[in-house]
Amino acid sequence: MHDDEDQLALAAFRSGDRHAFIGLVERYQRPVYNAAFWVLRRPDDAADVAQTVFLRVIERLDDYDPQYRFFSWIYRIAVNEALDVLRRNGREEPLDDDIDIPDIPGGDPESVLARAQDAERLRRCLLRLPTPDRIVLTLRHFSDLSYDEIGQVLELDEKTVKSRIFEARKRLRALVAPQMVHAS
């Protein structure tokens, strides 16, 4: 990804260049928000977590080990912060049905509609999964992290990550399959 750029920006920030950190925020703001959203399922909470994450990064910058990817480290902070919000709330929040689905460009109107409906069904099913399942699937399929990187984010060994993803996919398929039959 941006490993070298991240390391240069971090070095510049540590040397007093405050603008270098802005580049990191711009690069990772969306992925951090997305990671928080898929845990919390609430846009406002995810936005709050994203802001908190960057404050934590500044506070804990001395804890960052440059032998690991900055991306993995910041994702771990995002996931942990989101899980902390869930714990503080004392329970998972109800599903928010008012979440916007992005437009799906291209193709004839019927295929665009079919893809949008499939995306909506998948999103609803994903949101019904337990938090740990949503986290591993999001990191793997939406953030395109490798098994090793997911292991770094979640502090798990690669074999455990693979197993969790396998089981989460199985649970997601079980939720999606009945909806696809009814959609036909």
N, C-alpha and C. Protein backbone atom coordinates (compact mmCIF):
# COMPACT_ATOMS: atom_id res chain seq x y z
N MET A 1 0.84 -1.19 0.00
CA MET A 1 0.00 0.00 0.00
C MET A 1 0.88 1.25 0.00
N HIS A 2 0.93 1.94 1.12
CA HIS A 2 1.65 3.20 1.21
C HIS A 2 2.74 3.15 2.28
N ASP A 3 3.34 2.01 2.49
CA ASP A 3 4.28 1.84 3.61
C ASP A 3 5.38 2.89 3.63
N ASP A 4 6.06 3.07 2.50
CA ASP A 4 7.17 4.03 2.46
C ASP A 4 6.68 5.46 2.69
N GLU A 5 5.57 5.81 2.06
CA GLU A 5 5.00 7.15 2.24
C GLU A 5 4.61 7.38 3.70
N ASP A 6 4.04 6.35 4.31
CA ASP A 6 3.63 6.45 5.72
C ASP A 6 4.84 6.68 6.61
N GLN A 7 5.88 5.93 6.37
CA GLN A 7 7.09 6.05 7.20
C GLN A 7 7.71 7.44 7.05
N LEU A 8 7.72 7.95 5.83
CA LEU A 8 8.26 9.30 5.59
C LEU A 8 7.40 10.36 6.29
N ALA A 9 6.08 10.20 6.19
CA ALA A 9 5.17 11.16 6.83
C ALA A 9 5.32 11.11 8.35
N LEU A 10 5.45 9.92 8.90
CA LEU A 10 5.63 9.79 10.35
C LEU A 10 6.95 10.41 10.81
N ALA A 11 7.99 10.18 10.05
CA ALA A 11 9.29 10.78 10.39
C ALA A 11 9.21 12.30 10.33
N ALA A 12 8.56 12.83 9.31
CA ALA A 12 8.41 14.28 9.19
C ALA A 12 7.57 14.84 10.34
N PHE A 13 6.51 14.14 10.71
CA PHE A 13 5.66 14.58 11.82
C PHE A 13 6.44 14.57 13.12
N ARG A 14 7.20 13.53 13.35
CA ARG A 14 8.02 13.44 14.56
C ARG A 14 9.06 14.57 14.62
N SER A 15 9.46 15.05 13.44
CA SER A 15 10.44 16.14 13.36
C SER A 15 9.80 17.51 13.46
N GLY A 16 8.48 17.54 13.65
CA GLY A 16 7.81 18.81 13.84
C GLY A 16 6.94 19.29 12.69
N ASP A 17 6.90 18.55 11.59
CA ASP A 17 6.07 18.94 10.45
C ASP A 17 4.63 18.48 10.68
N ARG A 18 3.80 19.37 11.18
CA ARG A 18 2.41 19.03 11.50
C ARG A 18 1.59 18.72 10.25
N HIS A 19 1.99 19.27 9.11
CA HIS A 19 1.26 19.02 7.86
C HIS A 19 1.43 17.57 7.40
N ALA A 20 2.51 16.93 7.80
CA ALA A 20 2.73 15.54 7.40
C ALA A 20 1.63 14.64 7.95
N PHE A 21 1.15 14.97 9.13
CA PHE A 21 0.09 14.16 9.74
C PHE A 21 -1.22 14.33 8.99
N ILE A 22 -1.45 15.50 8.43
CA ILE A 22 -2.67 15.74 7.66
C ILE A 22 -2.77 14.76 6.49
N GLY A 23 -1.64 14.49 5.86
CA GLY A 23 -1.62 13.52 4.76
C GLY A 23 -2.04 12.13 5.22
N LEU A 24 -1.60 11.74 6.41
CA LEU A 24 -1.99 10.44 6.95
C LEU A 24 -3.49 10.41 7.26
N VAL A 25 -3.98 11.50 7.82
CA VAL A 25 -5.42 11.58 8.12
C VAL A 25 -6.21 11.47 6.82
N GLU A 26 -5.80 12.20 5.80
CA GLU A 26 -6.52 12.15 4.52
C GLU A 26 -6.48 10.75 3.91
N ARG A 27 -5.35 10.08 4.04
CA ARG A 27 -5.20 8.74 3.46
C ARG A 27 -6.05 7.70 4.20
N TYR A 28 -6.12 7.82 5.51
CA TYR A 28 -6.74 6.76 6.31
C TYR A 28 -8.08 7.11 6.94
N GLN A 29 -8.55 8.31 6.74
CA GLN A 29 -9.82 8.70 7.37
C GLN A 29 -10.97 7.79 6.92
N ARG A 30 -11.09 7.55 5.65
CA ARG A 30 -12.18 6.72 5.14
C ARG A 30 -12.05 5.26 5.59
N PRO A 31 -10.88 4.63 5.45
CA PRO A 31 -10.76 3.25 5.93
C PRO A 31 -11.01 3.11 7.44
N VAL A 32 -10.57 4.09 8.22
CA VAL A 32 -10.80 4.05 9.67
C VAL A 32 -12.29 4.19 9.96
N TYR A 33 -12.95 5.11 9.28
CA TYR A 33 -14.40 5.27 9.45
C TYR A 33 -15.12 3.97 9.09
N ASN A 34 -14.75 3.37 7.96
CA ASN A 34 -15.39 2.13 7.52
C ASN A 34 -15.20 1.01 8.54
N ALA A 35 -13.98 0.89 9.07
CA ALA A 35 -13.73 -0.15 10.08
C ALA A 35 -14.63 0.07 11.29
N ALA A 36 -14.75 1.31 11.74
CA ALA A 36 -15.60 1.62 12.89
C ALA A 36 -17.07 1.39 12.55
N PHE A 37 -17.47 1.78 11.36
CA PHE A 37 -18.87 1.62 10.97
C PHE A 37 -19.31 0.16 10.99
N TRP A 38 -18.48 -0.73 10.45
CA TRP A 38 -18.88 -2.13 10.37
C TRP A 38 -18.91 -2.80 11.74
N VAL A 39 -18.26 -2.21 12.72
CA VAL A 39 -18.37 -2.70 14.09
C VAL A 39 -19.61 -2.11 14.75
N LEU A 40 -19.79 -0.80 14.61
CA LEU A 40 -20.82 -0.08 15.36
C LEU A 40 -22.18 -0.01 14.67
N ARG A 41 -22.18 0.00 13.34
CA ARG A 41 -23.39 0.07 12.54
C ARG A 41 -24.13 1.40 12.70
N ARG A 42 -23.45 2.41 13.17
CA ARG A 42 -24.08 3.74 13.33
C ARG A 42 -23.11 4.79 12.78
N PRO A 43 -23.53 5.53 11.76
CA PRO A 43 -22.64 6.51 11.14
C PRO A 43 -22.07 7.55 12.11
N ASP A 44 -22.90 8.08 13.01
CA ASP A 44 -22.41 9.10 13.94
C ASP A 44 -21.35 8.55 14.89
N ASP A 45 -21.59 7.34 15.41
CA ASP A 45 -20.60 6.72 16.29
C ASP A 45 -19.31 6.43 15.54
N ALA A 46 -19.43 5.97 14.30
CA ALA A 46 -18.24 5.67 13.50
C ALA A 46 -17.42 6.94 13.24
N ALA A 47 -18.11 8.05 12.98
CA ALA A 47 -17.40 9.33 12.77
C ALA A 47 -16.68 9.77 14.04
N ASP A 48 -17.34 9.59 15.19
CA ASP A 48 -16.69 9.93 16.46
C ASP A 48 -15.45 9.07 16.70
N VAL A 49 -15.57 7.79 16.42
CA VAL A 49 -14.44 6.88 16.60
C VAL A 49 -13.30 7.28 15.67
N ALA A 50 -13.62 7.62 14.43
CA ALA A 50 -12.57 8.02 13.48
C ALA A 50 -11.78 9.21 14.01
N GLN A 51 -12.48 10.18 14.58
CA GLN A 51 -11.78 11.33 15.16
C GLN A 51 -10.91 10.92 16.33
N THR A 52 -11.46 10.07 17.19
CA THR A 52 -10.72 9.61 18.36
C THR A 52 -9.47 8.83 17.95
N VAL A 53 -9.58 8.04 16.91
CA VAL A 53 -8.45 7.23 16.45
C VAL A 53 -7.24 8.12 16.13
N PHE A 54 -7.47 9.20 15.43
CA PHE A 54 -6.33 10.04 15.06
C PHE A 54 -5.73 10.75 16.27
N LEU A 55 -6.54 11.05 17.26
CA LEU A 55 -6.00 11.59 18.52
C LEU A 55 -5.16 10.53 19.22
N ARG A 56 -5.64 9.29 19.22
CA ARG A 56 -4.89 8.20 19.84
C ARG A 56 -3.57 7.96 19.11
N VAL A 57 -3.60 8.08 17.80
CA VAL A 57 -2.37 7.88 17.02
C VAL A 57 -1.32 8.89 17.47
N ILE A 58 -1.72 10.14 17.62
CA ILE A 58 -0.77 11.17 18.07
C ILE A 58 -0.28 10.85 19.48
N GLU A 59 -1.21 10.47 20.37
CA GLU A 59 -0.83 10.16 21.75
C GLU A 59 0.10 8.96 21.85
N ARG A 60 -0.10 7.97 21.01
CA ARG A 60 0.64 6.71 21.11
C ARG A 60 1.70 6.53 20.04
N LEU A 61 2.05 7.56 19.36
CA LEU A 61 2.99 7.43 18.25
C LEU A 61 4.30 6.78 18.68
N ASP A 62 4.73 7.01 19.90
CA ASP A 62 5.97 6.39 20.38
C ASP A 62 5.81 4.88 20.55
N ASP A 63 4.57 4.39 20.64
CA ASP A 63 4.33 2.94 20.77
C ASP A 63 4.37 2.22 19.42
N TYR A 64 4.29 2.98 18.34
CA TYR A 64 4.25 2.37 17.00
C TYR A 64 5.62 1.78 16.66
N ASP A 65 5.62 0.53 16.22
CA ASP A 65 6.83 -0.16 15.81
C ASP A 65 6.90 -0.13 14.27
N PRO A 66 7.86 0.62 13.71
CA PRO A 66 7.91 0.78 12.25
C PRO A 66 8.20 -0.50 11.47
N GLN A 67 8.53 -1.58 12.16
CA GLN A 67 8.74 -2.83 11.42
C GLN A 67 7.40 -3.39 10.94
N TYR A 68 6.30 -2.89 11.51
CA TYR A 68 4.96 -3.28 11.08
C TYR A 68 4.34 -2.16 10.27
N ARG A 69 3.36 -2.53 9.45
CA ARG A 69 2.70 -1.53 8.63
C ARG A 69 1.91 -0.56 9.50
N PHE A 70 1.99 0.71 9.20
CA PHE A 70 1.24 1.73 9.91
C PHE A 70 -0.25 1.48 9.75
N PHE A 71 -0.65 1.06 8.55
CA PHE A 71 -2.04 0.77 8.24
C PHE A 71 -2.60 -0.26 9.22
N SER A 72 -1.86 -1.34 9.49
CA SER A 72 -2.32 -2.37 10.42
C SER A 72 -2.45 -1.82 11.83
N TRP A 73 -1.49 -1.01 12.23
CA TRP A 73 -1.50 -0.43 13.57
C TRP A 73 -2.70 0.49 13.76
N ILE A 74 -2.96 1.36 12.79
CA ILE A 74 -4.06 2.31 12.93
C ILE A 74 -5.41 1.57 12.86
N TYR A 75 -5.48 0.51 12.07
CA TYR A 75 -6.70 -0.29 12.02
C TYR A 75 -6.97 -0.95 13.36
N ARG A 76 -5.92 -1.45 14.00
CA ARG A 76 -6.09 -2.07 15.31
C ARG A 76 -6.66 -1.06 16.30
N ILE A 77 -6.15 0.16 16.26
CA ILE A 77 -6.67 1.21 17.13
C ILE A 77 -8.14 1.47 16.82
N ALA A 78 -8.49 1.54 15.53
CA ALA A 78 -9.87 1.80 15.13
C ALA A 78 -10.82 0.71 15.62
N VAL A 79 -10.45 -0.53 15.41
CA VAL A 79 -11.29 -1.64 15.84
C VAL A 79 -11.44 -1.63 17.36
N ASN A 80 -10.34 -1.43 18.08
CA ASN A 80 -10.40 -1.41 19.54
C ASN A 80 -11.26 -0.26 20.05
N GLU A 81 -11.13 0.90 19.45
CA GLU A 81 -11.96 2.05 19.86
C GLU A 81 -13.43 1.77 19.61
N ALA A 82 -13.74 1.18 18.46
CA ALA A 82 -15.13 0.85 18.14
C ALA A 82 -15.68 -0.19 19.13
N LEU A 83 -14.88 -1.18 19.45
CA LEU A 83 -15.32 -2.18 20.42
C LEU A 83 -15.52 -1.56 21.80
N ASP A 84 -14.68 -0.59 22.15
CA ASP A 84 -14.86 0.12 23.42
C ASP A 84 -16.20 0.87 23.45
N VAL A 85 -16.56 1.47 22.32
CA VAL A 85 -17.85 2.17 22.25
C VAL A 85 -18.99 1.17 22.45
N LEU A 86 -18.89 0.00 21.81
CA LEU A 86 -19.92 -1.03 22.00
C LEU A 86 -20.03 -1.42 23.47
N ARG A 87 -18.89 -1.63 24.12
CA ARG A 87 -18.90 -2.01 25.54
C ARG A 87 -19.50 -0.91 26.40
N ARG A 88 -19.14 0.34 26.12
CA ARG A 88 -19.70 1.47 26.89
C ARG A 88 -21.21 1.56 26.72
N ASN A 89 -21.68 1.24 25.54
CA ASN A 89 -23.13 1.26 25.29
C ASN A 89 -23.83 0.10 26.00
N GLY A 90 -23.05 -0.91 26.37
CA GLY A 90 -23.61 -2.04 27.09
C GLY A 90 -24.28 -3.08 26.23
N ARG A 91 -24.40 -2.82 24.95
CA ARG A 91 -25.04 -3.77 24.03
C ARG A 91 -24.81 -3.27 22.62
N GLU A 92 -25.09 -4.16 21.68
CA GLU A 92 -25.03 -3.73 20.29
C GLU A 92 -26.27 -2.93 19.98
N GLU A 93 -26.11 -1.96 19.14
CA GLU A 93 -27.23 -1.08 18.77
C GLU A 93 -28.12 -1.78 17.75
N PRO A 94 -29.41 -1.40 17.68
CA PRO A 94 -30.29 -1.97 16.66
C PRO A 94 -29.83 -1.54 15.27
N LEU A 95 -30.25 -2.30 14.29
CA LEU A 95 -29.88 -1.98 12.91
C LEU A 95 -30.44 -0.63 12.50
N ASP A 96 -29.69 0.09 11.74
CA ASP A 96 -30.11 1.38 11.22
C ASP A 96 -30.49 1.17 9.76
N ASP A 97 -31.77 1.19 9.48
CA ASP A 97 -32.23 0.94 8.12
C ASP A 97 -32.12 2.16 7.21
N ASP A 98 -31.70 3.28 7.75
CA ASP A 98 -31.62 4.51 6.95
C ASP A 98 -30.22 4.76 6.40
N ILE A 99 -29.39 3.74 6.31
CA ILE A 99 -28.04 3.91 5.80
C ILE A 99 -28.10 3.93 4.29
N ASP A 100 -27.44 4.91 3.69
CA ASP A 100 -27.45 5.04 2.24
C ASP A 100 -26.53 4.01 1.60
N ILE A 101 -26.98 3.46 0.50
CA ILE A 101 -26.18 2.56 -0.31
C ILE A 101 -25.63 3.39 -1.47
N PRO A 102 -24.34 3.31 -1.73
CA PRO A 102 -23.79 4.11 -2.82
C PRO A 102 -24.36 3.69 -4.17
N ASP A 103 -24.40 4.64 -5.09
CA ASP A 103 -24.86 4.35 -6.45
C ASP A 103 -23.93 3.34 -7.10
N ILE A 104 -24.49 2.47 -7.91
CA ILE A 104 -23.71 1.49 -8.64
C ILE A 104 -23.77 1.87 -10.10
N PRO A 105 -22.71 2.50 -10.63
CA PRO A 105 -22.74 3.01 -11.99
C PRO A 105 -22.57 1.91 -13.04
N GLY A 106 -22.98 2.23 -14.24
CA GLY A 106 -22.70 1.38 -15.39
C GLY A 106 -23.77 0.33 -15.66
N GLY A 107 -23.94 0.01 -16.93
CA GLY A 107 -24.85 -1.04 -17.33
C GLY A 107 -26.26 -0.53 -17.59
N ASP A 108 -27.09 -1.47 -18.05
CA ASP A 108 -28.47 -1.11 -18.33
C ASP A 108 -29.24 -0.97 -17.00
N PRO A 109 -30.37 -0.29 -17.01
CA PRO A 109 -31.11 -0.03 -15.77
C PRO A 109 -31.47 -1.29 -14.98
N GLU A 110 -31.84 -2.37 -15.68
CA GLU A 110 -32.21 -3.60 -14.96
C GLU A 110 -31.01 -4.19 -14.22
N SER A 111 -29.85 -4.24 -14.88
CA SER A 111 -28.68 -4.83 -14.22
C SER A 111 -28.18 -3.93 -13.08
N VAL A 112 -28.28 -2.61 -13.26
CA VAL A 112 -27.90 -1.70 -12.18
C VAL A 112 -28.82 -1.91 -10.98
N LEU A 113 -30.11 -2.02 -11.24
CA LEU A 113 -31.08 -2.25 -10.17
C LEU A 113 -30.81 -3.59 -9.48
N ALA A 114 -30.56 -4.64 -10.26
CA ALA A 114 -30.31 -5.97 -9.69
C ALA A 114 -29.06 -5.94 -8.81
N ARG A 115 -27.99 -5.28 -9.28
CA ARG A 115 -26.76 -5.19 -8.48
C ARG A 115 -27.00 -4.39 -7.22
N ALA A 116 -27.76 -3.31 -7.32
CA ALA A 116 -28.06 -2.49 -6.14
C ALA A 116 -28.88 -3.29 -5.13
N GLN A 117 -29.85 -4.08 -5.63
CA GLN A 117 -30.66 -4.90 -4.72
C GLN A 117 -29.81 -5.98 -4.06
N ASP A 118 -28.92 -6.60 -4.83
CA ASP A 118 -28.01 -7.60 -4.27
C ASP A 118 -27.10 -6.98 -3.21
N ALA A 119 -26.58 -5.80 -3.51
CA ALA A 119 -25.71 -5.11 -2.56
C ALA A 119 -26.47 -4.78 -1.28
N GLU A 120 -27.71 -4.36 -1.41
CA GLU A 120 -28.53 -4.04 -0.24
C GLU A 120 -28.79 -5.29 0.60
N ARG A 121 -29.14 -6.40 -0.06
CA ARG A 121 -29.37 -7.65 0.68
C ARG A 121 -28.10 -8.09 1.40
N LEU A 122 -26.98 -8.02 0.71
CA LEU A 122 -25.71 -8.41 1.32
C LEU A 122 -25.38 -7.51 2.51
N ARG A 123 -25.59 -6.21 2.36
CA ARG A 123 -25.31 -5.27 3.45
C ARG A 123 -26.17 -5.57 4.67
N ARG A 124 -27.45 -5.80 4.43
CA ARG A 124 -28.36 -6.11 5.54
C ARG A 124 -27.96 -7.40 6.25
N CYS A 125 -27.57 -8.40 5.48
CA CYS A 125 -27.14 -9.66 6.08
C CYS A 125 -25.83 -9.47 6.85
N LEU A 126 -24.92 -8.73 6.29
CA LEU A 126 -23.64 -8.48 6.96
C LEU A 126 -23.88 -7.76 8.29
N LEU A 127 -24.79 -6.83 8.31
CA LEU A 127 -25.08 -6.09 9.54
C LEU A 127 -25.76 -6.98 10.59
N ARG A 128 -26.34 -8.08 10.18
CA ARG A 128 -26.97 -9.00 11.13
C ARG A 128 -25.97 -9.96 11.76
N LEU A 129 -24.78 -10.05 11.20
CA LEU A 129 -23.76 -10.94 11.75
C LEU A 129 -23.25 -10.42 13.09
N PRO A 130 -22.75 -11.31 13.92
CA PRO A 130 -22.10 -10.86 15.16
C PRO A 130 -20.89 -9.97 14.84
N THR A 131 -20.58 -9.09 15.76
CA THR A 131 -19.49 -8.13 15.56
C THR A 131 -18.18 -8.78 15.12
N PRO A 132 -17.71 -9.85 15.76
CA PRO A 132 -16.44 -10.45 15.31
C PRO A 132 -16.47 -10.90 13.85
N ASP A 133 -17.61 -11.42 13.40
CA ASP A 133 -17.74 -11.83 12.00
C ASP A 133 -17.66 -10.62 11.07
N ARG A 134 -18.39 -9.56 11.42
CA ARG A 134 -18.36 -8.34 10.59
C ARG A 134 -16.93 -7.80 10.49
N ILE A 135 -16.22 -7.84 11.60
CA ILE A 135 -14.86 -7.28 11.61
C ILE A 135 -13.96 -8.05 10.65
N VAL A 136 -13.91 -9.38 10.76
CA VAL A 136 -12.98 -10.13 9.91
C VAL A 136 -13.37 -10.05 8.44
N LEU A 137 -14.67 -10.08 8.16
CA LEU A 137 -15.09 -9.99 6.75
C LEU A 137 -14.82 -8.61 6.18
N THR A 138 -15.02 -7.60 6.97
CA THR A 138 -14.75 -6.23 6.52
C THR A 138 -13.27 -6.04 6.24
N LEU A 139 -12.43 -6.49 7.15
CA LEU A 139 -10.99 -6.33 6.96
C LEU A 139 -10.52 -7.09 5.72
N ARG A 140 -11.08 -8.27 5.50
CA ARG A 140 -10.65 -9.09 4.36
C ARG A 140 -11.22 -8.60 3.03
N HIS A 141 -12.50 -8.32 2.98
CA HIS A 141 -13.15 -8.08 1.70
C HIS A 141 -13.36 -6.61 1.35
N PHE A 142 -13.46 -5.74 2.33
CA PHE A 142 -13.65 -4.33 2.03
C PHE A 142 -12.35 -3.55 2.15
N SER A 143 -11.47 -4.00 3.04
CA SER A 143 -10.19 -3.32 3.22
C SER A 143 -9.07 -4.06 2.51
N ASP A 144 -9.36 -5.22 1.95
CA ASP A 144 -8.39 -6.02 1.19
C ASP A 144 -7.11 -6.31 1.97
N LEU A 145 -7.25 -6.58 3.26
CA LEU A 145 -6.08 -6.94 4.05
C LEU A 145 -5.78 -8.43 3.87
N SER A 146 -4.51 -8.78 3.93
CA SER A 146 -4.12 -10.18 3.88
C SER A 146 -4.44 -10.84 5.22
N TYR A 147 -4.36 -12.16 5.26
CA TYR A 147 -4.60 -12.86 6.52
C TYR A 147 -3.59 -12.42 7.58
N ASP A 148 -2.35 -12.26 7.15
CA ASP A 148 -1.30 -11.81 8.08
C ASP A 148 -1.62 -10.42 8.63
N GLU A 149 -2.04 -9.51 7.77
CA GLU A 149 -2.37 -8.16 8.20
C GLU A 149 -3.57 -8.15 9.14
N ILE A 150 -4.56 -8.97 8.85
CA ILE A 150 -5.71 -9.07 9.74
C ILE A 150 -5.25 -9.59 11.10
N GLY A 151 -4.35 -10.56 11.08
CA GLY A 151 -3.79 -11.08 12.32
C GLY A 151 -3.10 -9.99 13.12
N GLN A 152 -2.38 -9.10 12.44
CA GLN A 152 -1.72 -7.99 13.13
C GLN A 152 -2.75 -7.04 13.73
N VAL A 153 -3.79 -6.74 12.98
CA VAL A 153 -4.82 -5.82 13.46
C VAL A 153 -5.54 -6.39 14.68
N LEU A 154 -5.90 -7.66 14.60
CA LEU A 154 -6.70 -8.29 15.65
C LEU A 154 -5.86 -9.01 16.70
N GLU A 155 -4.54 -9.00 16.48
CA GLU A 155 -3.61 -9.69 17.38
C GLU A 155 -3.95 -11.17 17.50
N LEU A 156 -4.08 -11.80 16.32
CA LEU A 156 -4.37 -13.23 16.22
C LEU A 156 -3.35 -13.87 15.28
N ASP A 157 -3.16 -15.18 15.42
CA ASP A 157 -2.28 -15.84 14.46
C ASP A 157 -3.05 -16.07 13.16
N GLU A 158 -2.30 -16.27 12.08
CA GLU A 158 -2.90 -16.36 10.75
C GLU A 158 -3.89 -17.52 10.64
N LYS A 159 -3.59 -18.64 11.27
CA LYS A 159 -4.48 -19.81 11.22
C LYS A 159 -5.84 -19.48 11.86
N THR A 160 -5.82 -18.76 12.96
CA THR A 160 -7.07 -18.36 13.62
C THR A 160 -7.86 -17.40 12.74
N VAL A 161 -7.16 -16.48 12.08
CA VAL A 161 -7.82 -15.54 11.17
C VAL A 161 -8.53 -16.30 10.05
N LYS A 162 -7.82 -17.24 9.43
CA LYS A 162 -8.42 -18.02 8.34
C LYS A 162 -9.65 -18.77 8.82
N SER A 163 -9.56 -19.35 10.00
CA SER A 163 -10.68 -20.09 10.56
C SER A 163 -11.88 -19.16 10.82
N ARG A 164 -11.61 -18.00 11.38
CA ARG A 164 -12.70 -17.06 11.68
C ARG A 164 -13.37 -16.56 10.40
N ILE A 165 -12.56 -16.29 9.38
CA ILE A 165 -13.12 -15.84 8.10
C ILE A 165 -13.96 -16.95 7.47
N PHE A 166 -13.46 -18.17 7.51
CA PHE A 166 -14.21 -19.31 6.97
C PHE A 166 -15.57 -19.43 7.66
N GLU A 167 -15.57 -19.38 8.99
CA GLU A 167 -16.82 -19.52 9.75
C GLU A 167 -17.75 -18.32 9.51
N ALA A 168 -17.18 -17.12 9.43
CA ALA A 168 -18.00 -15.93 9.20
C ALA A 168 -18.64 -15.98 7.80
N ARG A 169 -17.90 -16.43 6.81
CA ARG A 169 -18.45 -16.57 5.47
C ARG A 169 -19.60 -17.57 5.46
N LYS A 170 -19.43 -18.66 6.19
CA LYS A 170 -20.47 -19.68 6.28
C LYS A 170 -21.75 -19.09 6.89
N ARG A 171 -21.59 -18.32 7.97
CA ARG A 171 -22.76 -17.70 8.60
C ARG A 171 -23.40 -16.67 7.67
N LEU A 172 -22.57 -15.91 6.94
CA LEU A 172 -23.11 -14.93 6.02
C LEU A 172 -23.88 -15.61 4.89
N ARG A 173 -23.32 -16.70 4.35
CA ARG A 173 -24.02 -17.44 3.30
C ARG A 173 -25.39 -17.93 3.78
N ALA A 174 -25.43 -18.39 5.02
CA ALA A 174 -26.69 -18.89 5.57
C ALA A 174 -27.73 -17.77 5.67
N LEU A 175 -27.28 -16.56 5.90
CA LEU A 175 -28.21 -15.43 5.95
C LEU A 175 -28.61 -14.95 4.55
N VAL A 176 -27.67 -14.99 3.62
CA VAL A 176 -27.91 -14.45 2.27
C VAL A 176 -28.76 -15.40 1.44
N ALA A 177 -28.51 -16.69 1.53
CA ALA A 177 -29.18 -17.67 0.66
C ALA A 177 -30.70 -17.58 0.71
N PRO A 178 -31.34 -17.56 1.89
CA PRO A 178 -32.81 -17.47 1.89
C PRO A 178 -33.32 -16.17 1.27
N GLN A 179 -32.60 -15.08 1.44
CA GLN A 179 -33.04 -13.81 0.87
C GLN A 179 -32.93 -13.82 -0.65
N MET A 180 -31.94 -14.50 -1.19
CA MET A 180 -31.77 -14.55 -2.63
C MET A 180 -32.90 -15.37 -3.27
N VAL A 181 -33.36 -16.41 -2.57
CA VAL A 181 -34.47 -17.21 -3.08
C VAL A 181 -35.74 -16.38 -3.12
N HIS A 182 -35.99 -15.60 -2.04
CA HIS A 182 -37.20 -14.77 -1.99
C HIS A 182 -37.12 -13.61 -2.98
N ALA A 183 -35.92 -13.20 -3.35
CA ALA A 183 -35.77 -12.06 -4.25
C ALA A 183 -36.12 -12.43 -5.69
N SER A 184 -36.07 -13.69 -6.02
CA SER A 184 -36.29 -14.13 -7.41
C SER A 184 -37.73 -14.01 -7.81
